[in-house]
Every structure is written in C-alpha cells, then in structure tokens.
C-alpha atoms as a PDB file:
ATOM      1  CA  UNK A   1      88.907 144.839 108.004  1.00  0.00           C
ATOM      2  CA  UNK A   2      86.866 141.789 107.010  1.00  0.00           C
ATOM      3  CA  UNK A   3      83.602 141.219 108.789  1.00  0.00           C
ATOM      4  CA  UNK A   4      82.805 137.842 110.330  1.00  0.00           C
ATOM      5  CA  UNK A   5      80.033 135.751 108.765  1.00  0.00           C
ATOM      6  CA  UNK A   6      78.954 132.353 110.176  1.00  0.00           C
ATOM      7  CA  UNK A   7      79.048 129.621 107.543  1.00  0.00           C
ATOM      8  CA  UNK A   8      75.598 128.348 108.498  1.00  0.00           C
ATOM      9  CA  UNK A   9      73.875 131.572 107.416  1.00  0.00           C
ATOM     10  CA  UNK A  10      74.966 131.581 103.769  1.00  0.00           C
ATOM     11  CA  UNK A  11      74.006 129.405 100.821  1.00  0.00           C
ATOM     12  CA  UNK A  12      77.245 128.274  99.258  1.00  0.00           C
ATOM     13  CA  UNK A  13      78.571 126.664  96.113  1.00  0.00           C
ATOM     14  CA  UNK A  14      81.047 123.828  96.665  1.00  0.00           C
ATOM     15  CA  UNK A  15      84.292 124.157  94.733  1.00  0.00           C
ATOM     16  CA  UNK A  16      83.458 120.969  92.839  1.00  0.00           C
ATOM     17  CA  UNK A  17      80.351 122.637  91.350  1.00  0.00           C
ATOM     18  CA  UNK A  18      82.153 125.667  89.904  1.00  0.00           C
ATOM     19  CA  UNK A  19      82.174 126.236  86.155  1.00  0.00           C
ATOM     20  CA  UNK A  20      83.612 128.878  83.849  1.00  0.00           C
ATOM     21  CA  UNK A  21      81.608 132.015  84.640  1.00  0.00           C
ATOM     22  CA  UNK A  22      81.507 135.064  86.900  1.00  0.00           C
ATOM     23  CA  UNK A  23      80.057 134.449  90.357  1.00  0.00           C
ATOM     24  CA  UNK A  24      78.599 137.869  91.185  1.00  0.00           C
ATOM     25  CA  UNK A  25      75.885 136.945  93.691  1.00  0.00           C
ATOM     26  CA  UNK A  26      76.710 133.449  94.962  1.00  0.00           C
ATOM     27  CA  UNK A  27      79.715 132.510  97.067  1.00  0.00           C
ATOM     28  CA  UNK A  28      82.099 129.796  98.137  1.00  0.00           C
ATOM     29  CA  UNK A  29      83.279 129.226 101.703  1.00  0.00           C
ATOM     30  CA  UNK A  30      86.864 128.020 101.739  1.00  0.00           C
ATOM     31  CA  UNK A  31      89.990 127.605 103.794  1.00  0.00           C
ATOM     32  CA  UNK A  32      93.163 129.281 102.526  1.00  0.00           C
ATOM     33  CA  UNK A  33      95.655 126.472 102.981  1.00  0.00           C
ATOM     34  CA  UNK A  34      98.638 128.252 101.415  1.00  0.00           C
ATOM     35  CA  UNK A  35      99.419 131.765 100.181  1.00  0.00           C
ATOM     36  CA  UNK A  36     102.493 132.747  98.175  1.00  0.00           C
ATOM     37  CA  UNK A  37     104.359 136.009  98.459  1.00  0.00           C
ATOM     38  CA  UNK A  38     103.654 138.746  95.927  1.00  0.00           C
ATOM     39  CA  UNK A  39     106.012 138.274  92.971  1.00  0.00           C
ATOM     40  CA  UNK A  40     106.711 140.268  89.819  1.00  0.00           C
ATOM     41  CA  UNK A  41     105.926 138.673  86.461  1.00  0.00           C
ATOM     42  CA  UNK A  42     106.972 139.653  82.957  1.00  0.00           C
ATOM     43  CA  UNK A  43     105.468 137.657  80.088  1.00  0.00           C
ATOM     44  CA  UNK A  44     107.007 139.807  77.372  1.00  0.00           C
ATOM     45  CA  UNK A  45     103.802 141.709  76.663  1.00  0.00           C
ATOM     46  CA  UNK A  46     102.962 142.803  80.178  1.00  0.00           C
ATOM     47  CA  UNK A  47     104.721 143.341  83.476  1.00  0.00           C
ATOM     48  CA  UNK A  48     102.913 143.229  86.802  1.00  0.00           C
ATOM     49  CA  UNK A  49     102.619 141.391  90.092  1.00  0.00           C
ATOM     50  CA  UNK A  50     100.676 138.384  91.327  1.00  0.00           C
ATOM     51  CA  UNK A  51     100.127 136.127  94.312  1.00  0.00           C
ATOM     52  CA  UNK A  52      98.454 132.711  94.471  1.00  0.00           C
ATOM     53  CA  UNK A  53      96.436 130.803  97.036  1.00  0.00           C
ATOM     54  CA  UNK A  54      95.308 127.218  97.461  1.00  0.00           C
ATOM     55  CA  UNK A  55      91.608 127.185  98.436  1.00  0.00           C
ATOM     56  CA  UNK A  56      89.975 124.109  99.967  1.00  0.00           C
ATOM     57  CA  UNK A  57      86.487 123.070 101.012  1.00  0.00           C
ATOM     58  CA  UNK A  58      84.871 119.720 101.709  1.00  0.00           C
ATOM     59  CA  UNK A  59      84.429 118.934  98.013  1.00  0.00           C
ATOM     60  CA  UNK A  60      87.652 119.909  96.242  1.00  0.00           C
ATOM     61  CA  UNK A  61      90.621 122.251  95.931  1.00  0.00           C
ATOM     62  CA  UNK A  62      91.334 125.124  93.542  1.00  0.00           C
ATOM     63  CA  UNK A  63      94.035 127.733  92.933  1.00  0.00           C
ATOM     64  CA  UNK A  64      93.086 131.420  93.139  1.00  0.00           C
ATOM     65  CA  UNK A  65      95.189 134.151  91.515  1.00  0.00           C
ATOM     66  CA  UNK A  66      95.274 137.840  92.438  1.00  0.00           C
ATOM     67  CA  UNK A  67      96.890 140.183  89.917  1.00  0.00           C
ATOM     68  CA  UNK A  68      98.349 143.681  89.777  1.00  0.00           C
ATOM     69  CA  UNK A  69      96.346 146.429  91.509  1.00  0.00           C
ATOM     70  CA  UNK A  70      94.323 143.912  93.502  1.00  0.00           C
ATOM     71  CA  UNK A  71      97.392 142.426  95.208  1.00  0.00           C
ATOM     72  CA  UNK A  72      97.863 145.132  97.841  1.00  0.00           C
ATOM     73  CA  UNK A  73      94.181 145.428  98.895  1.00  0.00           C
ATOM     74  CA  UNK A  74      93.829 141.674  99.439  1.00  0.00           C
ATOM     75  CA  UNK A  75      97.248 140.331 100.436  1.00  0.00           C
ATOM     76  CA  UNK A  76      97.353 141.379 104.097  1.00  0.00           C
ATOM     77  CA  UNK A  77      93.668 140.581 104.628  1.00  0.00           C
ATOM     78  CA  UNK A  78      94.165 136.921 103.737  1.00  0.00           C
ATOM     79  CA  UNK A  79      95.822 134.641 106.298  1.00  0.00           C
ATOM     80  CA  UNK A  80      96.847 131.034 105.819  1.00  0.00           C
ATOM     81  CA  UNK A  81      94.647 128.588 107.701  1.00  0.00           C
ATOM     82  CA  UNK A  82      91.682 130.961 107.956  1.00  0.00           C
ATOM     83  CA  UNK A  83      88.278 130.485 106.347  1.00  0.00           C
ATOM     84  CA  UNK A  84      86.612 133.057 104.108  1.00  0.00           C
ATOM     85  CA  UNK A  85      83.385 133.738 102.268  1.00  0.00           C
ATOM     86  CA  UNK A  86      84.376 134.648  98.718  1.00  0.00           C
ATOM     87  CA  UNK A  87      82.119 136.097  96.020  1.00  0.00           C
ATOM     88  CA  UNK A  88      82.314 138.311  92.938  1.00  0.00           C
ATOM     89  CA  UNK A  89      85.122 136.257  91.387  1.00  0.00           C
ATOM     90  CA  UNK A  90      85.707 134.770  87.957  1.00  0.00           C
ATOM     91  CA  UNK A  91      86.290 131.092  87.212  1.00  0.00           C
ATOM     92  CA  UNK A  92      88.434 130.279  84.193  1.00  0.00           C
ATOM     93  CA  UNK A  93      90.183 127.295  82.667  1.00  0.00           C
ATOM     94  CA  UNK A  94      93.440 126.903  84.549  1.00  0.00           C
ATOM     95  CA  UNK A  95      96.523 128.109  82.703  1.00  0.00           C
ATOM     96  CA  UNK A  96      99.427 125.674  82.539  1.00  0.00           C
ATOM     97  CA  UNK A  97     101.503 128.009  84.707  1.00  0.00           C
ATOM     98  CA  UNK A  98      99.020 127.954  87.596  1.00  0.00           C
ATOM     99  CA  UNK A  99      97.574 124.446  87.244  1.00  0.00           C
ATOM    100  CA  UNK A 100      99.023 123.169  90.520  1.00  0.00           C
ATOM    101  CA  UNK A 101      96.209 121.072  91.987  1.00  0.00           C
ATOM    102  CA  UNK A 102      93.813 118.416  90.689  1.00  0.00           C
ATOM    103  CA  UNK A 103      91.404 120.920  89.156  1.00  0.00           C
ATOM    104  CA  UNK A 104      91.155 122.133  85.550  1.00  0.00           C
ATOM    105  CA  UNK A 105      89.727 125.466  86.707  1.00  0.00           C
ATOM    106  CA  UNK A 106      91.149 128.419  88.610  1.00  0.00           C
ATOM    107  CA  UNK A 107      89.667 131.442  90.362  1.00  0.00           C
ATOM    108  CA  UNK A 108      90.678 134.973  89.438  1.00  0.00           C
ATOM    109  CA  UNK A 109      89.984 137.876  91.777  1.00  0.00           C
ATOM    110  CA  UNK A 110      88.330 140.840  90.028  1.00  0.00           C
ATOM    111  CA  UNK A 111      87.295 144.370  91.006  1.00  0.00           C
ATOM    112  CA  UNK A 112      83.928 142.912  92.080  1.00  0.00           C
ATOM    113  CA  UNK A 113      85.469 140.334  94.443  1.00  0.00           C
ATOM    114  CA  UNK A 114      84.438 140.550  98.105  1.00  0.00           C
ATOM    115  CA  UNK A 115      86.038 138.695 100.995  1.00  0.00           C
ATOM    116  CA  UNK A 116      84.730 138.141 104.534  1.00  0.00           C
ATOM    117  CA  UNK A 117      86.052 135.986 107.345  1.00  0.00           C
ATOM    118  CA  UNK A 118      83.977 132.935 108.174  1.00  0.00           C
ATOM    119  CA  UNK A 119      83.556 130.724 111.202  1.00  0.00           C
ATOM    120  CA  UNK A 120      85.881 127.740 111.249  1.00  0.00           C
ATOM    121  CA  UNK A 121      84.790 124.416 109.772  1.00  0.00           C
ATOM    122  CA  UNK A 122      86.875 121.747 111.465  1.00  0.00           C
ATOM    123  CA  UNK A 123      85.889 119.163 108.839  1.00  0.00           C
ATOM    124  CA  UNK A 124      88.092 120.996 106.322  1.00  0.00           C
ATOM    125  CA  UNK A 125      91.754 120.054 106.908  1.00  0.00           C
ATOM    126  CA  UNK A 126      94.571 122.634 107.139  1.00  0.00           C
ATOM    127  CA  UNK A 127      95.940 121.482 103.768  1.00  0.00           C
ATOM    128  CA  UNK A 128      95.357 118.682 101.253  1.00  0.00           C
ATOM    129  CA  UNK A 129      98.040 116.582  99.584  1.00  0.00           C
ATOM    130  CA  UNK A 130      97.769 114.312  96.570  1.00  0.00           C
ATOM    131  CA  UNK A 131     101.004 112.488  97.294  1.00  0.00           C
ATOM    132  CA  UNK A 132     102.542 110.453  94.500  1.00  0.00           C
ATOM    133  CA  UNK A 133     105.557 108.124  94.815  1.00  0.00           C
ATOM    134  CA  UNK A 134     108.900 109.377  93.572  1.00  0.00           C
ATOM    135  CA  UNK A 135     109.001 106.363  91.246  1.00  0.00           C
ATOM    136  CA  UNK A 136     106.095 107.874  89.260  1.00  0.00           C
ATOM    137  CA  UNK A 137     108.053 111.008  88.304  1.00  0.00           C
ATOM    138  CA  UNK A 138     109.778 109.311  85.362  1.00  0.00           C
ATOM    139  CA  UNK A 139     106.374 108.689  83.735  1.00  0.00           C
ATOM    140  CA  UNK A 140     105.108 112.253  84.132  1.00  0.00           C
ATOM    141  CA  UNK A 141     105.022 114.717  81.220  1.00  0.00           C
ATOM    142  CA  UNK A 142     107.055 117.901  81.328  1.00  0.00           C
ATOM    143  CA  UNK A 143     105.463 120.600  83.551  1.00  0.00           C
ATOM    144  CA  UNK A 144     103.095 118.148  85.271  1.00  0.00           C
ATOM    145  CA  UNK A 145     102.273 119.277  88.831  1.00  0.00           C
ATOM    146  CA  UNK A 146     103.365 116.872  91.558  1.00  0.00           C
ATOM    147  CA  UNK A 147     102.875 116.511  95.308  1.00  0.00           C
ATOM    148  CA  UNK A 148     105.338 114.016  96.778  1.00  0.00           C
ATOM    149  CA  UNK A 149     107.383 113.088  99.815  1.00  0.00           C
ATOM    150  CA  UNK A 150     110.841 111.647 100.340  1.00  0.00           C
ATOM    151  CA  UNK A 151     113.890 111.408 102.557  1.00  0.00           C
ATOM    152  CA  UNK A 152     116.473 114.161 102.134  1.00  0.00           C
ATOM    153  CA  UNK A 153     119.464 112.201 100.841  1.00  0.00           C
ATOM    154  CA  UNK A 154     121.707 115.081  99.715  1.00  0.00           C
ATOM    155  CA  UNK A 155     121.724 118.878 100.041  1.00  0.00           C
ATOM    156  CA  UNK A 156     123.758 120.900  97.559  1.00  0.00           C
ATOM    157  CA  UNK A 157     125.174 124.380  98.039  1.00  0.00           C
ATOM    158  CA  UNK A 158     123.473 127.444  96.599  1.00  0.00           C
ATOM    159  CA  UNK A 159     124.807 128.051  93.090  1.00  0.00           C
ATOM    160  CA  UNK A 160     124.104 130.446  90.223  1.00  0.00           C
ATOM    161  CA  UNK A 161     122.587 129.226  86.971  1.00  0.00           C
ATOM    162  CA  UNK A 162     121.540 131.574  84.199  1.00  0.00           C
ATOM    163  CA  UNK A 163     121.330 134.518  86.580  1.00  0.00           C
ATOM    164  CA  UNK A 164     119.184 132.616  89.108  1.00  0.00           C
ATOM    165  CA  UNK A 165     120.138 131.068  92.438  1.00  0.00           C
ATOM    166  CA  UNK A 166     119.623 127.313  92.665  1.00  0.00           C
ATOM    167  CA  UNK A 167     120.066 124.606  95.262  1.00  0.00           C
ATOM    168  CA  UNK A 168     119.833 120.923  94.296  1.00  0.00           C
ATOM    169  CA  UNK A 169     118.329 118.524  96.845  1.00  0.00           C
ATOM    170  CA  UNK A 170     118.133 114.763  96.344  1.00  0.00           C
ATOM    171  CA  UNK A 171     114.976 113.051  97.647  1.00  0.00           C
ATOM    172  CA  UNK A 172     114.905 109.292  98.194  1.00  0.00           C
ATOM    173  CA  UNK A 173     111.958 106.945  98.604  1.00  0.00           C
ATOM    174  CA  UNK A 174     112.399 103.167  98.797  1.00  0.00           C
ATOM    175  CA  UNK A 175     115.369 103.088  96.437  1.00  0.00           C
ATOM    176  CA  UNK A 176     114.180 105.772  94.009  1.00  0.00           C
ATOM    177  CA  UNK A 177     116.037 109.081  93.937  1.00  0.00           C
ATOM    178  CA  UNK A 178     114.776 112.319  92.357  1.00  0.00           C
ATOM    179  CA  UNK A 179     116.436 115.727  92.283  1.00  0.00           C
ATOM    180  CA  UNK A 180     114.459 118.679  93.636  1.00  0.00           C
ATOM    181  CA  UNK A 181     115.579 122.083  92.321  1.00  0.00           C
ATOM    182  CA  UNK A 182     115.013 125.011  94.677  1.00  0.00           C
ATOM    183  CA  UNK A 183     115.232 128.487  93.133  1.00  0.00           C
ATOM    184  CA  UNK A 184     116.113 131.969  94.428  1.00  0.00           C
ATOM    185  CA  UNK A 185     114.623 132.680  97.890  1.00  0.00           C
ATOM    186  CA  UNK A 186     113.560 129.058  98.297  1.00  0.00           C
ATOM    187  CA  UNK A 187     117.149 127.953  97.582  1.00  0.00           C
ATOM    188  CA  UNK A 188     118.632 130.335 100.139  1.00  0.00           C
ATOM    189  CA  UNK A 189     116.026 129.735 102.844  1.00  0.00           C
ATOM    190  CA  UNK A 190     116.008 125.926 102.749  1.00  0.00           C
ATOM    191  CA  UNK A 191     116.574 124.520 106.252  1.00  0.00           C
ATOM    192  CA  UNK A 192     116.271 120.800 105.578  1.00  0.00           C
ATOM    193  CA  UNK A 193     119.021 118.437 106.664  1.00  0.00           C
ATOM    194  CA  UNK A 194     120.120 114.937 105.718  1.00  0.00           C
ATOM    195  CA  UNK A 195     117.519 112.287 106.618  1.00  0.00           C
ATOM    196  CA  UNK A 196     114.769 114.847 107.142  1.00  0.00           C
ATOM    197  CA  UNK A 197     111.441 113.946 105.546  1.00  0.00           C
ATOM    198  CA  UNK A 198     110.622 116.528 102.856  1.00  0.00           C
ATOM    199  CA  UNK A 199     107.039 116.948 101.643  1.00  0.00           C
ATOM    200  CA  UNK A 200     106.390 119.208  98.648  1.00  0.00           C
ATOM    201  CA  UNK A 201     103.146 120.375  97.051  1.00  0.00           C
ATOM    202  CA  UNK A 202     102.778 122.133  93.703  1.00  0.00           C
ATOM    203  CA  UNK A 203     106.187 121.249  92.253  1.00  0.00           C
ATOM    204  CA  UNK A 204     106.620 120.703  88.517  1.00  0.00           C
ATOM    205  CA  UNK A 205     108.309 117.968  86.525  1.00  0.00           C
ATOM    206  CA  UNK A 206     111.064 119.344  84.268  1.00  0.00           C
ATOM    207  CA  UNK A 207     113.445 117.694  81.815  1.00  0.00           C
ATOM    208  CA  UNK A 208     117.084 118.637  82.386  1.00  0.00           C
ATOM    209  CA  UNK A 209     120.218 116.885  81.157  1.00  0.00           C
ATOM    210  CA  UNK A 210     118.231 113.856  80.046  1.00  0.00           C
ATOM    211  CA  UNK A 211     116.557 113.282  83.418  1.00  0.00           C
ATOM    212  CA  UNK A 212     113.296 114.369  85.010  1.00  0.00           C
ATOM    213  CA  UNK A 213     113.563 116.602  88.039  1.00  0.00           C
ATOM    214  CA  UNK A 214     111.164 118.499  90.257  1.00  0.00           C
ATOM    215  CA  UNK A 215     111.122 122.292  90.190  1.00  0.00           C
ATOM    216  CA  UNK A 216     110.165 124.062  93.412  1.00  0.00           C
ATOM    217  CA  UNK A 217     109.102 127.635  92.680  1.00  0.00           C
ATOM    218  CA  UNK A 218     107.451 130.528  94.537  1.00  0.00           C
ATOM    219  CA  UNK A 219     104.016 128.861  94.254  1.00  0.00           C
ATOM    220  CA  UNK A 220     105.192 125.550  95.742  1.00  0.00           C
ATOM    221  CA  UNK A 221     104.724 124.512  99.374  1.00  0.00           C
ATOM    222  CA  UNK A 222     107.148 122.569 101.546  1.00  0.00           C
ATOM    223  CA  UNK A 223     106.877 120.931 104.935  1.00  0.00           C
ATOM    224  CA  UNK A 224     109.835 119.359 106.731  1.00  0.00           C
ATOM    225  CA  UNK A 225     109.182 116.306 108.923  1.00  0.00           C
ATOM    226  CA  UNK A 226     105.386 116.526 108.723  1.00  0.00           C
ATOM    227  CA  UNK A 227     103.356 114.546 111.237  1.00  0.00           C
ATOM    228  CA  UNK A 228     101.539 112.308 108.749  1.00  0.00           C
ATOM    229  CA  UNK A 229     101.502 108.515 108.230  1.00  0.00           C
ATOM    230  CA  UNK A 230     103.545 108.685 105.002  1.00  0.00           C
ATOM    231  CA  UNK A 231     106.346 110.542 106.799  1.00  0.00           C
ATOM    232  CA  UNK A 232     106.342 108.133 109.730  1.00  0.00           C
ATOM    233  CA  UNK A 233     106.561 105.201 107.312  1.00  0.00           C
ATOM    234  CA  UNK A 234     109.620 106.725 105.612  1.00  0.00           C
ATOM    235  CA  UNK A 235     111.269 107.399 108.956  1.00  0.00           C
ATOM    236  CA  UNK A 236     110.788 103.771 109.961  1.00  0.00           C
ATOM    237  CA  UNK A 237     112.597 102.623 106.787  1.00  0.00           C
ATOM    238  CA  UNK A 238     115.777 104.544 107.608  1.00  0.00           C
END
C-alpha cells in the first residue's frame, strides 16, 4: 500500500525540467490522467507485457511506461486521477511507438522506482488536451500523434482485417471528415452514437488507401460528449 506524502514537504522537479538520466534521489509529483490496460507486446526479438500512463504536472506532460515484471507490482497501485510522488525512474528519448504527447522524452519505471500517494493539487487538471482541427490531419506525417475532436457522423460495424477486429468511425468538424479506426477491444466496446461529440487523445495518423486516417489503439484515450468549450461549440453547429 502506498503511503501518503503531502506535496508541500518534498522538493520536486517539474516535468519540464527533466532530461535523459536516472532520477535516483529526486522526485516528480504528478497526476496520472490516463492509464492503459496491461497488453502483450512482441517486437520479434522479445515478448513481454507493458502498460502506459499519461503523467501531468503544472509545467508539462509526459508518458511513462512500465514493462514486464514491473507491471503487476505497480498496475493496481496506480489509479487514474490520483497524484503520486515518483522517484527512482529513468528518463529516455521517447520512442516513436510511445511518443503520444508534446514531449520528446518518456519515463521508464525501473527496479529502483518508488511510488507514494500525494495530496491533491487542484491546480493540475484531470487531463490535458492539445486539440487540433480535423482539417490539419491531411498535413500530418505518418505516425504523428494527434488529439482532436469531432462530431460522430458515421459508425461502422465491427469487421475483421488481417486477423484484427476493426470498427471505422467517421468524425466531422465544420465540413471536414476524417476516419477514425478503432481496433480490437476498442472496436467492440465503442458506445458512441451518431451526432455524439467524440474527443480522442493519443491517436496516430496513418496512410491507408491513399488517405490519412486516425488510428485509435490501446494507448489512446476517448471521451464522448465531454463538457468542454470545443464540444459545446460543435454541438451548437449541428
């Protein structure tokens, strides 16, 4: 069980100050805004498991990855929305696969990583979005991470493609339409309906059939009909 540590009693490093090194004695104090499920990976040379988190403080946002034998000890201790004091981690250049936020670095949990609950800091929001218009997708390079929002204009049925389950959803924003591909569990569990406002975070631009689409994978986050100004503006246009 994590112990509780008040944020005022600890000297901290803001996320924006992190650099590529091991942080063995200093700490960051962050909110976990999103946590994926544990998934199995196989990169051809190694097979294992991993889960990801989005970490946020008052300065910036960063993705943290937890691999293999560290997944089980940490997964149930970490709850979305809660704040934690984190130390003993490693900061590395973000790999293309996990570069999902506006940060070129990522945090990796190691065997020296410690985690304690922290008192809440209400100045840190529950989650941060870097929303871009759907019209910008056509100018993005392949695999670029994108946060965006749009009106659900069409919902396809779950289909099979290359051994994977897929559902195609069309998002519309002020005349621009972009296809959002949902895969596997995300495809089956989608509950959006026509004219719902769909917000996605951590999707990726992918070329397919001569067009650019958005891929929604296990590390992506979705909110349906969020209570934010951008969603209210889209609703008013319908």
